[in-house]
Amino acid sequence: MKTNISANKGLFKTHKSYSPEEILAAGGTTAFGRRSGKNNATLIKALENAPPIEPFTDEEWADLMDQLAKDK
């Protein structure tokens, strides 16, 4: 499944981004995550509940394997 990023310009509009300075000012990545309501357990749960994603089609995998075999 390939996402067409140019087709959906608002792809990440629902996610606020933070600068490295903001994260460091919060006390580092762990403290920043805790303050924003994120933790390892919620991340793991979200990943477990996410639909499986295949980065390449069968045809793309075959092409990649052919290229790899030729490059050996």
C-alpha atoms as a PDB file:
ATOM      1  CA  MET A   1       0.000   0.000   0.000  1.00  0.00           C
ATOM      2  CA  LYS A   2       1.588   3.222  -1.127  1.00  0.00           C
ATOM      3  CA  THR A   3       0.366   6.577   0.180  1.00  0.00           C
ATOM      4  CA  ASN A   4       0.181   9.358  -2.363  1.00  0.00           C
ATOM      5  CA  ILE A   5       1.443  12.224  -0.217  1.00  0.00           C
ATOM      6  CA  SER A   6       0.907  14.880  -2.878  1.00  0.00           C
ATOM      7  CA  ALA A   7      -2.760  13.929  -3.183  1.00  0.00           C
ATOM      8  CA  ASN A   8      -3.468  14.614   0.490  1.00  0.00           C
ATOM      9  CA  LYS A   9      -1.863  17.885   1.455  1.00  0.00           C
ATOM     10  CA  GLY A  10      -3.491  17.808   4.904  1.00  0.00           C
ATOM     11  CA  LEU A  11      -2.014  14.433   5.811  1.00  0.00           C
ATOM     12  CA  PHE A  12      -0.378  15.596   9.050  1.00  0.00           C
ATOM     13  CA  LYS A  13      -2.599  18.565   9.898  1.00  0.00           C
ATOM     14  CA  THR A  14      -4.050  16.659  12.848  1.00  0.00           C
ATOM     15  CA  HIS A  15      -0.625  16.273  14.457  1.00  0.00           C
ATOM     16  CA  LYS A  16       1.081  19.271  16.024  1.00  0.00           C
ATOM     17  CA  SER A  17       4.827  19.270  15.612  1.00  0.00           C
ATOM     18  CA  TYR A  18       7.304  20.435  18.220  1.00  0.00           C
ATOM     19  CA  SER A  19      10.794  21.794  17.860  1.00  0.00           C
ATOM     20  CA  PRO A  20      13.783  20.099  19.521  1.00  0.00           C
ATOM     21  CA  GLU A  21      14.041  23.137  21.796  1.00  0.00           C
ATOM     22  CA  GLU A  22      10.457  22.644  23.018  1.00  0.00           C
ATOM     23  CA  ILE A  23      11.124  18.977  23.736  1.00  0.00           C
ATOM     24  CA  LEU A  24      14.353  19.726  25.599  1.00  0.00           C
ATOM     25  CA  ALA A  25      12.645  22.519  27.563  1.00  0.00           C
ATOM     26  CA  ALA A  26      10.033  20.007  28.718  1.00  0.00           C
ATOM     27  CA  GLY A  27      12.817  17.897  30.244  1.00  0.00           C
ATOM     28  CA  GLY A  28      13.736  15.618  27.359  1.00  0.00           C
ATOM     29  CA  THR A  29      11.870  13.115  25.256  1.00  0.00           C
ATOM     30  CA  THR A  30      10.532  10.965  28.094  1.00  0.00           C
ATOM     31  CA  ALA A  31       9.280  13.925  30.136  1.00  0.00           C
ATOM     32  CA  PHE A  32       7.833  15.525  27.008  1.00  0.00           C
ATOM     33  CA  GLY A  33       5.943  12.347  26.173  1.00  0.00           C
ATOM     34  CA  ARG A  34       4.543  12.061  29.675  1.00  0.00           C
ATOM     35  CA  ARG A  35       3.420  15.700  29.670  1.00  0.00           C
ATOM     36  CA  SER A  36       1.693  15.268  26.323  1.00  0.00           C
ATOM     37  CA  GLY A  37      -0.107  12.119  27.505  1.00  0.00           C
ATOM     38  CA  LYS A  38       2.002   9.659  25.541  1.00  0.00           C
ATOM     39  CA  ASN A  39       3.812   6.621  26.913  1.00  0.00           C
ATOM     40  CA  ASN A  40       5.209   3.303  25.750  1.00  0.00           C
ATOM     41  CA  ALA A  41       2.061   1.385  26.660  1.00  0.00           C
ATOM     42  CA  THR A  42      -0.196   3.560  24.471  1.00  0.00           C
ATOM     43  CA  LEU A  43       2.312   3.371  21.627  1.00  0.00           C
ATOM     44  CA  ILE A  44       2.512  -0.421  21.828  1.00  0.00           C
ATOM     45  CA  LYS A  45      -1.282  -0.707  21.999  1.00  0.00           C
ATOM     46  CA  ALA A  46      -1.691   1.579  18.970  1.00  0.00           C
ATOM     47  CA  LEU A  47       0.849  -0.453  16.976  1.00  0.00           C
ATOM     48  CA  GLU A  48      -0.805  -3.739  17.914  1.00  0.00           C
ATOM     49  CA  ASN A  49      -4.228  -2.434  16.859  1.00  0.00           C
ATOM     50  CA  ALA A  50      -2.988  -0.890  13.608  1.00  0.00           C
ATOM     51  CA  PRO A  51      -3.805  -2.653  10.364  1.00  0.00           C
ATOM     52  CA  PRO A  52      -0.906  -4.592   8.825  1.00  0.00           C
ATOM     53  CA  ILE A  53       0.925  -2.553   6.231  1.00  0.00           C
ATOM     54  CA  GLU A  54       2.988  -4.027   3.412  1.00  0.00           C
ATOM     55  CA  PRO A  55       5.480  -1.444   2.139  1.00  0.00           C
ATOM     56  CA  PHE A  56       5.858  -3.077  -1.297  1.00  0.00           C
ATOM     57  CA  THR A  57       3.587  -4.874  -3.729  1.00  0.00           C
ATOM     58  CA  ASP A  58       4.460  -8.420  -4.818  1.00  0.00           C
ATOM     59  CA  GLU A  59       5.757  -7.020  -8.110  1.00  0.00           C
ATOM     60  CA  GLU A  60       7.966  -4.481  -6.320  1.00  0.00           C
ATOM     61  CA  TRP A  61       9.358  -7.224  -4.056  1.00  0.00           C
ATOM     62  CA  ALA A  62      10.163  -9.372  -7.097  1.00  0.00           C
ATOM     63  CA  ASP A  63      11.948  -6.434  -8.760  1.00  0.00           C
ATOM     64  CA  LEU A  64      13.921  -5.729  -5.589  1.00  0.00           C
ATOM     65  CA  MET A  65      14.959  -9.364  -5.228  1.00  0.00           C
ATOM     66  CA  ASP A  66      16.036  -9.455  -8.899  1.00  0.00           C
ATOM     67  CA  GLN A  67      18.131  -6.315  -8.398  1.00  0.00           C
ATOM     68  CA  LEU A  68      19.675  -7.779  -5.266  1.00  0.00           C
ATOM     69  CA  ALA A  69      20.556 -11.024  -7.058  1.00  0.00           C
ATOM     70  CA  LYS A  70      22.154  -9.074  -9.930  1.00  0.00           C
ATOM     71  CA  ASP A  71      24.198  -6.911  -7.556  1.00  0.00           C
ATOM     72  CA  LYS A  72      25.783  -9.888  -5.764  1.00  0.00           C
END
